[in-house]
Amino acid sequence: MNSPNVLSLTRLLLTPAFVVSVIYHTESNVFLSNLPLIIFLIAIITDAVDGFIARKYNQITSFGILLDPLADKFLLIASFITLSFLTCGPAGLRIPPWVLIIVLTRDIFILTGAAIIYLMLGYVEFKPSILGKITTFFQMVTILGVLIHFEYSYILWTLAAFFTIISGMHYFARANRILNGKK
């Protein structure tokens, strides 16, 4: 297993640690009060570093092509769910349920579309779009905003929701073109 895949696997394993750290978060203990932020920062750094190493040193593998976005999805979905139901910090900030619903709906549609394409056409490479990358960025920044108790986090989650919808529509259009034989 190469180092980018180890980093993706690490991000995948950090996901339950993040959820537990939010559940057991307490302001009375400095370490526990900062642990969710530390874990999430380490996880998103692994995302940036694994992609850089894979491209720079030509360590792109079939396993990594599947593992990297899977680790991202698990981290983000678990974070959105956790921070929609639990507050983290004295500000009592939570991600509104409507944002969670948008994020989950888009990901369910993408997975369903990928399954349909696979069943109808077999394996088709489906690279992430720039809109998908922007969406992931704003989703990660939303989580960070909530974790650092950013006063204007509502702006971040509104942007994340907007780009989640736009990228979902874009992926739907791409899937439709692929199914109709127009890559």
N, C-alpha and C. Protein backbone atom coordinates (compact mmCIF):
# COMPACT_ATOMS: atom_id res chain seq x y z
N MET A 1 0.86 -1.17 0.00
CA MET A 1 0.00 0.00 0.00
C MET A 1 0.91 1.23 0.00
N ASN A 2 0.66 2.16 -0.93
CA ASN A 2 1.50 3.35 -1.03
C ASN A 2 1.06 4.43 -0.04
N SER A 3 1.86 5.47 0.09
CA SER A 3 1.59 6.50 1.11
C SER A 3 0.29 7.28 0.86
N PRO A 4 -0.10 7.62 -0.38
CA PRO A 4 -1.40 8.28 -0.54
C PRO A 4 -2.56 7.42 -0.04
N ASN A 5 -2.49 6.11 -0.28
CA ASN A 5 -3.56 5.23 0.18
C ASN A 5 -3.56 5.11 1.71
N VAL A 6 -2.38 5.12 2.31
CA VAL A 6 -2.29 5.10 3.77
C VAL A 6 -2.94 6.37 4.34
N LEU A 7 -2.68 7.51 3.70
CA LEU A 7 -3.28 8.77 4.16
C LEU A 7 -4.80 8.75 4.01
N SER A 8 -5.30 8.21 2.90
CA SER A 8 -6.75 8.10 2.72
C SER A 8 -7.36 7.16 3.75
N LEU A 9 -6.68 6.05 4.00
CA LEU A 9 -7.15 5.11 5.02
C LEU A 9 -7.13 5.77 6.41
N THR A 10 -6.12 6.57 6.67
CA THR A 10 -6.04 7.30 7.94
C THR A 10 -7.25 8.23 8.08
N ARG A 11 -7.59 8.94 7.01
CA ARG A 11 -8.75 9.83 7.03
C ARG A 11 -10.03 9.05 7.30
N LEU A 12 -10.13 7.89 6.69
CA LEU A 12 -11.29 7.04 6.93
C LEU A 12 -11.37 6.63 8.40
N LEU A 13 -10.24 6.28 8.99
CA LEU A 13 -10.20 5.87 10.40
C LEU A 13 -10.38 7.05 11.36
N LEU A 14 -10.05 8.25 10.92
CA LEU A 14 -10.25 9.44 11.76
C LEU A 14 -11.73 9.82 11.87
N THR A 15 -12.54 9.34 10.95
CA THR A 15 -13.96 9.70 10.95
C THR A 15 -14.67 9.29 12.24
N PRO A 16 -14.60 8.02 12.66
CA PRO A 16 -15.26 7.69 13.93
C PRO A 16 -14.61 8.40 15.12
N ALA A 17 -13.30 8.64 15.05
CA ALA A 17 -12.64 9.38 16.13
C ALA A 17 -13.20 10.79 16.23
N PHE A 18 -13.46 11.42 15.08
CA PHE A 18 -14.05 12.75 15.08
C PHE A 18 -15.43 12.73 15.73
N VAL A 19 -16.26 11.78 15.32
CA VAL A 19 -17.62 11.69 15.86
C VAL A 19 -17.58 11.50 17.38
N VAL A 20 -16.74 10.59 17.85
CA VAL A 20 -16.62 10.36 19.29
C VAL A 20 -16.12 11.61 20.00
N SER A 21 -15.18 12.33 19.38
CA SER A 21 -14.65 13.54 20.02
C SER A 21 -15.72 14.62 20.15
N VAL A 22 -16.65 14.68 19.21
CA VAL A 22 -17.76 15.65 19.32
C VAL A 22 -18.74 15.19 20.41
N ILE A 23 -19.03 13.90 20.43
CA ILE A 23 -19.96 13.37 21.44
C ILE A 23 -19.44 13.64 22.85
N TYR A 24 -18.15 13.43 23.05
CA TYR A 24 -17.58 13.60 24.39
C TYR A 24 -16.91 14.96 24.60
N HIS A 25 -17.21 15.88 23.71
CA HIS A 25 -16.67 17.24 23.80
C HIS A 25 -17.11 17.89 25.11
N THR A 26 -16.19 18.58 25.76
CA THR A 26 -16.52 19.32 26.96
C THR A 26 -15.65 20.58 27.03
N GLU A 27 -16.25 21.67 27.42
CA GLU A 27 -15.51 22.92 27.53
C GLU A 27 -14.65 22.96 28.78
N SER A 28 -14.89 22.10 29.74
CA SER A 28 -14.15 22.14 31.00
C SER A 28 -12.75 21.52 30.87
N ASN A 29 -12.48 20.85 29.76
CA ASN A 29 -11.18 20.23 29.54
C ASN A 29 -10.61 20.80 28.25
N VAL A 30 -9.48 21.50 28.33
CA VAL A 30 -8.90 22.16 27.16
C VAL A 30 -8.63 21.17 26.03
N PHE A 31 -8.09 20.00 26.37
CA PHE A 31 -7.78 19.01 25.34
C PHE A 31 -9.06 18.53 24.65
N LEU A 32 -10.05 18.13 25.45
CA LEU A 32 -11.30 17.63 24.86
C LEU A 32 -12.08 18.71 24.12
N SER A 33 -11.94 19.95 24.53
CA SER A 33 -12.67 21.02 23.85
C SER A 33 -12.09 21.31 22.47
N ASN A 34 -10.81 21.02 22.28
CA ASN A 34 -10.16 21.27 20.98
C ASN A 34 -9.98 20.02 20.14
N LEU A 35 -10.24 18.86 20.71
CA LEU A 35 -10.00 17.60 20.00
C LEU A 35 -10.78 17.46 18.68
N PRO A 36 -12.07 17.81 18.63
CA PRO A 36 -12.77 17.69 17.34
C PRO A 36 -12.11 18.52 16.23
N LEU A 37 -11.70 19.73 16.56
CA LEU A 37 -11.04 20.59 15.58
C LEU A 37 -9.71 19.99 15.14
N ILE A 38 -8.93 19.49 16.09
CA ILE A 38 -7.63 18.90 15.77
C ILE A 38 -7.80 17.69 14.85
N ILE A 39 -8.73 16.82 15.19
CA ILE A 39 -8.96 15.62 14.37
C ILE A 39 -9.42 16.00 12.97
N PHE A 40 -10.35 16.95 12.88
CA PHE A 40 -10.86 17.35 11.57
C PHE A 40 -9.76 18.00 10.73
N LEU A 41 -8.94 18.84 11.34
CA LEU A 41 -7.82 19.47 10.62
C LEU A 41 -6.85 18.42 10.10
N ILE A 42 -6.51 17.44 10.93
CA ILE A 42 -5.61 16.37 10.48
C ILE A 42 -6.24 15.63 9.30
N ALA A 43 -7.54 15.36 9.39
CA ALA A 43 -8.22 14.63 8.32
C ALA A 43 -8.20 15.41 7.01
N ILE A 44 -8.48 16.71 7.05
CA ILE A 44 -8.50 17.46 5.78
C ILE A 44 -7.08 17.69 5.24
N ILE A 45 -6.10 17.73 6.14
CA ILE A 45 -4.72 17.82 5.67
C ILE A 45 -4.33 16.54 4.94
N THR A 46 -4.77 15.38 5.46
CA THR A 46 -4.47 14.12 4.77
C THR A 46 -5.10 14.10 3.38
N ASP A 47 -6.24 14.75 3.22
CA ASP A 47 -6.89 14.82 1.92
C ASP A 47 -6.04 15.60 0.93
N ALA A 48 -5.53 16.73 1.37
CA ALA A 48 -4.69 17.55 0.48
C ALA A 48 -3.37 16.85 0.17
N VAL A 49 -2.76 16.27 1.18
CA VAL A 49 -1.44 15.67 1.02
C VAL A 49 -1.50 14.39 0.18
N ASP A 50 -2.53 13.56 0.37
CA ASP A 50 -2.57 12.31 -0.40
C ASP A 50 -2.72 12.59 -1.89
N GLY A 51 -3.54 13.57 -2.25
CA GLY A 51 -3.69 13.92 -3.66
C GLY A 51 -2.42 14.49 -4.26
N PHE A 52 -1.75 15.34 -3.48
CA PHE A 52 -0.49 15.93 -3.95
C PHE A 52 0.56 14.84 -4.20
N ILE A 53 0.74 13.96 -3.22
CA ILE A 53 1.75 12.89 -3.35
C ILE A 53 1.41 11.96 -4.52
N ALA A 54 0.13 11.60 -4.63
CA ALA A 54 -0.27 10.67 -5.70
C ALA A 54 0.04 11.25 -7.08
N ARG A 55 -0.27 12.54 -7.27
CA ARG A 55 -0.02 13.15 -8.57
C ARG A 55 1.47 13.43 -8.79
N LYS A 56 2.12 14.01 -7.82
CA LYS A 56 3.53 14.42 -7.96
C LYS A 56 4.45 13.23 -8.18
N TYR A 57 4.21 12.14 -7.47
CA TYR A 57 5.10 10.98 -7.54
C TYR A 57 4.48 9.81 -8.30
N ASN A 58 3.45 10.10 -9.08
CA ASN A 58 2.80 9.10 -9.92
C ASN A 58 2.45 7.83 -9.13
N GLN A 59 1.76 8.04 -8.00
CA GLN A 59 1.35 6.92 -7.15
C GLN A 59 -0.17 6.74 -7.17
N ILE A 60 -0.78 7.06 -8.28
CA ILE A 60 -2.22 6.89 -8.43
C ILE A 60 -2.50 5.41 -8.67
N THR A 61 -3.40 4.84 -7.84
CA THR A 61 -3.75 3.43 -7.97
C THR A 61 -5.27 3.29 -8.11
N SER A 62 -5.71 2.17 -8.61
CA SER A 62 -7.15 1.91 -8.71
C SER A 62 -7.79 1.93 -7.33
N PHE A 63 -7.09 1.36 -6.36
CA PHE A 63 -7.58 1.35 -4.98
C PHE A 63 -7.72 2.78 -4.45
N GLY A 64 -6.72 3.60 -4.71
CA GLY A 64 -6.75 5.00 -4.26
C GLY A 64 -7.83 5.81 -4.92
N ILE A 65 -8.10 5.53 -6.19
CA ILE A 65 -9.16 6.24 -6.92
C ILE A 65 -10.51 6.00 -6.24
N LEU A 66 -10.70 4.83 -5.67
CA LEU A 66 -11.95 4.53 -4.94
C LEU A 66 -11.88 4.98 -3.48
N LEU A 67 -10.73 4.75 -2.83
CA LEU A 67 -10.61 5.02 -1.40
C LEU A 67 -10.65 6.51 -1.07
N ASP A 68 -9.98 7.34 -1.85
CA ASP A 68 -9.91 8.77 -1.55
C ASP A 68 -11.28 9.44 -1.48
N PRO A 69 -12.11 9.34 -2.52
CA PRO A 69 -13.43 9.98 -2.41
C PRO A 69 -14.34 9.31 -1.38
N LEU A 70 -14.15 8.01 -1.17
CA LEU A 70 -14.93 7.31 -0.15
C LEU A 70 -14.58 7.85 1.24
N ALA A 71 -13.30 8.04 1.50
CA ALA A 71 -12.87 8.61 2.79
C ALA A 71 -13.41 10.03 2.97
N ASP A 72 -13.39 10.82 1.89
CA ASP A 72 -13.96 12.18 1.94
C ASP A 72 -15.44 12.13 2.28
N LYS A 73 -16.16 11.27 1.59
CA LYS A 73 -17.62 11.18 1.81
C LYS A 73 -17.94 10.76 3.24
N PHE A 74 -17.26 9.73 3.72
CA PHE A 74 -17.51 9.28 5.11
C PHE A 74 -17.23 10.40 6.10
N LEU A 75 -16.10 11.07 5.92
CA LEU A 75 -15.74 12.16 6.84
C LEU A 75 -16.78 13.27 6.81
N LEU A 76 -17.13 13.71 5.61
CA LEU A 76 -18.06 14.85 5.51
C LEU A 76 -19.47 14.49 5.95
N ILE A 77 -19.95 13.34 5.53
CA ILE A 77 -21.32 12.96 5.91
C ILE A 77 -21.40 12.74 7.42
N ALA A 78 -20.42 12.04 7.99
CA ALA A 78 -20.42 11.84 9.45
C ALA A 78 -20.33 13.17 10.18
N SER A 79 -19.53 14.09 9.66
CA SER A 79 -19.39 15.41 10.30
C SER A 79 -20.68 16.20 10.21
N PHE A 80 -21.31 16.21 9.05
CA PHE A 80 -22.57 16.95 8.90
C PHE A 80 -23.66 16.37 9.79
N ILE A 81 -23.75 15.05 9.82
CA ILE A 81 -24.77 14.42 10.68
C ILE A 81 -24.50 14.75 12.14
N THR A 82 -23.27 14.55 12.58
CA THR A 82 -22.92 14.79 13.98
C THR A 82 -23.16 16.23 14.38
N LEU A 83 -22.71 17.17 13.54
CA LEU A 83 -22.83 18.58 13.90
C LEU A 83 -24.21 19.15 13.59
N SER A 84 -25.09 18.35 13.03
CA SER A 84 -26.49 18.76 12.89
C SER A 84 -27.29 18.40 14.13
N PHE A 85 -26.83 17.38 14.85
CA PHE A 85 -27.56 16.91 16.02
C PHE A 85 -26.92 17.33 17.34
N LEU A 86 -25.61 17.59 17.31
CA LEU A 86 -24.90 17.93 18.54
C LEU A 86 -24.23 19.29 18.40
N THR A 87 -24.20 20.04 19.49
CA THR A 87 -23.46 21.29 19.48
C THR A 87 -22.04 21.02 19.92
N CYS A 88 -21.15 21.85 19.47
CA CYS A 88 -19.74 21.68 19.81
C CYS A 88 -19.19 23.04 20.20
N GLY A 89 -19.18 23.33 21.47
CA GLY A 89 -18.62 24.59 21.94
C GLY A 89 -19.63 25.45 22.64
N PRO A 90 -19.16 26.53 23.26
CA PRO A 90 -20.03 27.38 24.05
C PRO A 90 -21.06 28.15 23.22
N ALA A 91 -20.77 28.34 21.94
CA ALA A 91 -21.70 29.09 21.09
C ALA A 91 -22.95 28.25 20.76
N GLY A 92 -22.88 26.95 20.98
CA GLY A 92 -24.03 26.09 20.70
C GLY A 92 -24.38 26.02 19.23
N LEU A 93 -23.37 26.15 18.36
CA LEU A 93 -23.58 26.17 16.92
C LEU A 93 -23.88 24.76 16.41
N ARG A 94 -24.91 24.67 15.59
CA ARG A 94 -25.23 23.40 14.91
C ARG A 94 -25.54 23.69 13.46
N ILE A 95 -25.23 22.71 12.62
CA ILE A 95 -25.58 22.84 11.20
C ILE A 95 -27.07 22.58 11.08
N PRO A 96 -27.79 23.46 10.39
CA PRO A 96 -29.24 23.26 10.28
C PRO A 96 -29.59 21.98 9.52
N PRO A 97 -30.69 21.34 9.90
CA PRO A 97 -31.09 20.09 9.23
C PRO A 97 -31.27 20.24 7.72
N TRP A 98 -31.72 21.39 7.25
CA TRP A 98 -31.93 21.56 5.81
C TRP A 98 -30.62 21.43 5.04
N VAL A 99 -29.52 21.86 5.64
CA VAL A 99 -28.21 21.72 4.98
C VAL A 99 -27.82 20.24 4.93
N LEU A 100 -28.02 19.56 6.04
CA LEU A 100 -27.74 18.12 6.09
C LEU A 100 -28.54 17.38 5.03
N ILE A 101 -29.80 17.71 4.89
CA ILE A 101 -30.67 17.03 3.90
C ILE A 101 -30.15 17.27 2.49
N ILE A 102 -29.72 18.48 2.19
CA ILE A 102 -29.18 18.78 0.86
C ILE A 102 -27.92 17.96 0.60
N VAL A 103 -27.01 17.93 1.57
CA VAL A 103 -25.75 17.19 1.41
C VAL A 103 -26.03 15.70 1.22
N LEU A 104 -26.89 15.13 2.07
CA LEU A 104 -27.19 13.70 1.97
C LEU A 104 -27.90 13.36 0.66
N THR A 105 -28.84 14.20 0.26
CA THR A 105 -29.60 13.94 -0.97
C THR A 105 -28.68 13.92 -2.18
N ARG A 106 -27.80 14.89 -2.28
CA ARG A 106 -26.86 14.94 -3.42
C ARG A 106 -26.01 13.67 -3.45
N ASP A 107 -25.47 13.29 -2.30
CA ASP A 107 -24.59 12.11 -2.28
C ASP A 107 -25.35 10.83 -2.60
N ILE A 108 -26.58 10.73 -2.14
CA ILE A 108 -27.40 9.56 -2.47
C ILE A 108 -27.69 9.52 -3.97
N PHE A 109 -28.00 10.68 -4.56
CA PHE A 109 -28.24 10.74 -6.00
C PHE A 109 -26.98 10.37 -6.79
N ILE A 110 -25.82 10.85 -6.34
CA ILE A 110 -24.58 10.53 -7.05
C ILE A 110 -24.29 9.03 -6.96
N LEU A 111 -24.44 8.45 -5.78
CA LEU A 111 -24.21 7.00 -5.64
C LEU A 111 -25.20 6.18 -6.46
N THR A 112 -26.45 6.61 -6.45
CA THR A 112 -27.47 5.92 -7.24
C THR A 112 -27.17 6.02 -8.72
N GLY A 113 -26.80 7.22 -9.17
CA GLY A 113 -26.44 7.41 -10.58
C GLY A 113 -25.24 6.57 -10.98
N ALA A 114 -24.23 6.53 -10.11
CA ALA A 114 -23.04 5.72 -10.41
C ALA A 114 -23.41 4.24 -10.49
N ALA A 115 -24.30 3.79 -9.61
CA ALA A 115 -24.73 2.38 -9.64
C ALA A 115 -25.50 2.08 -10.92
N ILE A 116 -26.36 2.99 -11.33
CA ILE A 116 -27.13 2.79 -12.57
C ILE A 116 -26.20 2.73 -13.77
N ILE A 117 -25.24 3.67 -13.82
CA ILE A 117 -24.27 3.68 -14.93
C ILE A 117 -23.48 2.37 -14.94
N TYR A 118 -23.04 1.92 -13.77
CA TYR A 118 -22.27 0.69 -13.69
C TYR A 118 -23.10 -0.51 -14.16
N LEU A 119 -24.37 -0.58 -13.73
CA LEU A 119 -25.22 -1.69 -14.12
C LEU A 119 -25.53 -1.69 -15.61
N MET A 120 -25.66 -0.50 -16.18
CA MET A 120 -26.02 -0.41 -17.60
C MET A 120 -24.81 -0.48 -18.53
N LEU A 121 -23.69 0.12 -18.11
CA LEU A 121 -22.55 0.25 -19.02
C LEU A 121 -21.28 -0.42 -18.53
N GLY A 122 -21.28 -0.90 -17.30
CA GLY A 122 -20.03 -1.40 -16.72
C GLY A 122 -19.25 -0.24 -16.14
N TYR A 123 -17.97 -0.47 -15.89
CA TYR A 123 -17.15 0.57 -15.27
C TYR A 123 -16.96 1.74 -16.23
N VAL A 124 -17.25 2.93 -15.74
CA VAL A 124 -17.01 4.17 -16.48
C VAL A 124 -16.29 5.11 -15.52
N GLU A 125 -15.13 5.62 -15.96
CA GLU A 125 -14.40 6.54 -15.10
C GLU A 125 -15.17 7.85 -15.00
N PHE A 126 -15.39 8.29 -13.78
CA PHE A 126 -16.21 9.47 -13.50
C PHE A 126 -15.39 10.40 -12.63
N LYS A 127 -14.57 11.22 -13.27
CA LYS A 127 -13.67 12.10 -12.52
C LYS A 127 -14.45 13.22 -11.85
N PRO A 128 -13.95 13.67 -10.67
CA PRO A 128 -14.61 14.78 -10.00
C PRO A 128 -14.51 16.06 -10.83
N SER A 129 -15.56 16.85 -10.81
CA SER A 129 -15.56 18.10 -11.56
C SER A 129 -15.05 19.23 -10.66
N ILE A 130 -14.77 20.36 -11.26
CA ILE A 130 -14.35 21.52 -10.48
C ILE A 130 -15.47 21.94 -9.53
N LEU A 131 -16.72 21.80 -9.95
CA LEU A 131 -17.84 22.12 -9.06
C LEU A 131 -17.88 21.17 -7.87
N GLY A 132 -17.56 19.92 -8.10
CA GLY A 132 -17.50 18.95 -7.01
C GLY A 132 -16.39 19.30 -6.02
N LYS A 133 -15.26 19.75 -6.55
CA LYS A 133 -14.14 20.13 -5.68
C LYS A 133 -14.48 21.40 -4.88
N ILE A 134 -15.15 22.35 -5.52
CA ILE A 134 -15.59 23.57 -4.81
C ILE A 134 -16.59 23.20 -3.72
N THR A 135 -17.48 22.28 -4.03
CA THR A 135 -18.46 21.82 -3.05
C THR A 135 -17.77 21.20 -1.85
N THR A 136 -16.83 20.31 -2.10
CA THR A 136 -16.09 19.67 -1.01
C THR A 136 -15.37 20.73 -0.17
N PHE A 137 -14.77 21.71 -0.82
CA PHE A 137 -14.09 22.79 -0.09
C PHE A 137 -15.06 23.51 0.83
N PHE A 138 -16.21 23.93 0.32
CA PHE A 138 -17.16 24.67 1.15
C PHE A 138 -17.79 23.79 2.24
N GLN A 139 -17.94 22.50 1.97
CA GLN A 139 -18.43 21.61 3.02
C GLN A 139 -17.39 21.49 4.14
N MET A 140 -16.13 21.38 3.77
CA MET A 140 -15.08 21.30 4.79
C MET A 140 -14.97 22.60 5.58
N VAL A 141 -15.05 23.73 4.88
CA VAL A 141 -14.97 25.04 5.55
C VAL A 141 -16.17 25.23 6.48
N THR A 142 -17.33 24.71 6.09
CA THR A 142 -18.51 24.78 6.96
C THR A 142 -18.25 24.05 8.28
N ILE A 143 -17.72 22.85 8.19
CA ILE A 143 -17.40 22.08 9.40
C ILE A 143 -16.40 22.85 10.26
N LEU A 144 -15.36 23.37 9.63
CA LEU A 144 -14.37 24.16 10.37
C LEU A 144 -15.01 25.38 11.03
N GLY A 145 -15.88 26.07 10.30
CA GLY A 145 -16.56 27.25 10.85
C GLY A 145 -17.35 26.92 12.10
N VAL A 146 -18.06 25.81 12.06
CA VAL A 146 -18.85 25.39 13.22
C VAL A 146 -17.91 25.01 14.38
N LEU A 147 -16.83 24.31 14.07
CA LEU A 147 -15.91 23.87 15.11
C LEU A 147 -15.18 25.03 15.80
N ILE A 148 -14.90 26.09 15.03
CA ILE A 148 -14.21 27.23 15.65
C ILE A 148 -15.20 28.28 16.15
N HIS A 149 -16.50 27.96 16.06
CA HIS A 149 -17.56 28.84 16.56
C HIS A 149 -17.59 30.17 15.81
N PHE A 150 -17.34 30.11 14.49
CA PHE A 150 -17.33 31.29 13.63
C PHE A 150 -18.73 31.90 13.62
N GLU A 151 -18.80 33.15 13.96
CA GLU A 151 -20.07 33.86 14.11
C GLU A 151 -20.91 33.84 12.83
N TYR A 152 -20.23 33.85 11.71
CA TYR A 152 -20.95 33.90 10.43
C TYR A 152 -20.95 32.55 9.72
N SER A 153 -21.00 31.48 10.48
CA SER A 153 -21.02 30.14 9.89
C SER A 153 -22.21 29.93 8.97
N TYR A 154 -23.28 30.65 9.23
CA TYR A 154 -24.47 30.51 8.37
C TYR A 154 -24.15 30.87 6.92
N ILE A 155 -23.21 31.78 6.71
CA ILE A 155 -22.79 32.13 5.35
C ILE A 155 -22.08 30.94 4.72
N LEU A 156 -21.23 30.30 5.50
CA LEU A 156 -20.48 29.15 5.00
C LEU A 156 -21.40 28.00 4.64
N TRP A 157 -22.37 27.68 5.53
CA TRP A 157 -23.23 26.53 5.21
C TRP A 157 -24.21 26.87 4.10
N THR A 158 -24.55 28.15 3.93
CA THR A 158 -25.40 28.54 2.80
C THR A 158 -24.64 28.36 1.49
N LEU A 159 -23.37 28.78 1.47
CA LEU A 159 -22.54 28.57 0.28
C LEU A 159 -22.33 27.08 0.01
N ALA A 160 -22.10 26.31 1.06
CA ALA A 160 -21.93 24.86 0.90
C ALA A 160 -23.20 24.24 0.31
N ALA A 161 -24.36 24.65 0.82
CA ALA A 161 -25.63 24.12 0.30
C ALA A 161 -25.82 24.52 -1.16
N PHE A 162 -25.52 25.78 -1.48
CA PHE A 162 -25.67 26.26 -2.86
C PHE A 162 -24.80 25.44 -3.82
N PHE A 163 -23.51 25.30 -3.48
CA PHE A 163 -22.62 24.55 -4.37
C PHE A 163 -22.95 23.06 -4.38
N THR A 164 -23.48 22.54 -3.29
CA THR A 164 -23.91 21.14 -3.25
C THR A 164 -25.03 20.92 -4.26
N ILE A 165 -25.99 21.84 -4.30
CA ILE A 165 -27.10 21.73 -5.26
C ILE A 165 -26.59 21.87 -6.69
N ILE A 166 -25.76 22.89 -6.93
CA ILE A 166 -25.26 23.14 -8.29
C ILE A 166 -24.42 21.96 -8.78
N SER A 167 -23.52 21.46 -7.94
CA SER A 167 -22.69 20.33 -8.37
C SER A 167 -23.53 19.06 -8.55
N GLY A 168 -24.56 18.90 -7.72
CA GLY A 168 -25.46 17.76 -7.89
C GLY A 168 -26.15 17.79 -9.25
N MET A 169 -26.60 18.98 -9.64
CA MET A 169 -27.24 19.14 -10.95
C MET A 169 -26.23 18.88 -12.07
N HIS A 170 -25.00 19.34 -11.87
CA HIS A 170 -23.95 19.12 -12.86
C HIS A 170 -23.64 17.63 -13.02
N TYR A 171 -23.50 16.92 -11.89
CA TYR A 171 -23.24 15.48 -11.96
C TYR A 171 -24.41 14.74 -12.60
N PHE A 172 -25.63 15.18 -12.31
CA PHE A 172 -26.81 14.57 -12.93
C PHE A 172 -26.75 14.74 -14.45
N ALA A 173 -26.39 15.93 -14.90
CA ALA A 173 -26.29 16.20 -16.34
C ALA A 173 -25.18 15.34 -16.97
N ARG A 174 -24.05 15.20 -16.28
CA ARG A 174 -22.97 14.36 -16.80
C ARG A 174 -23.40 12.90 -16.89
N ALA A 175 -24.09 12.42 -15.86
CA ALA A 175 -24.57 11.04 -15.87
C ALA A 175 -25.55 10.81 -17.01
N ASN A 176 -26.41 11.79 -17.24
CA ASN A 176 -27.39 11.70 -18.32
C ASN A 176 -26.68 11.62 -19.68
N ARG A 177 -25.64 12.44 -19.86
CA ARG A 177 -24.88 12.39 -21.11
C ARG A 177 -24.19 11.04 -21.29
N ILE A 178 -23.63 10.50 -20.22
CA ILE A 178 -22.96 9.20 -20.31
C ILE A 178 -23.96 8.11 -20.66
N LEU A 179 -25.12 8.14 -20.03
CA LEU A 179 -26.14 7.12 -20.31
C LEU A 179 -26.69 7.23 -21.74
N ASN A 180 -26.64 8.43 -22.29
CA ASN A 180 -27.11 8.63 -23.65
C ASN A 180 -25.99 8.55 -24.68
N GLY A 181 -24.81 8.06 -24.25
CA GLY A 181 -23.70 7.82 -25.16
C GLY A 181 -22.93 9.06 -25.57
N LYS A 182 -23.08 10.17 -24.86
CA LYS A 182 -22.35 11.40 -25.20
C LYS A 182 -21.46 11.78 -24.03
N LYS A 183 -20.25 11.32 -24.00
CA LYS A 183 -19.35 11.61 -22.89
C LYS A 183 -19.07 13.07 -22.85
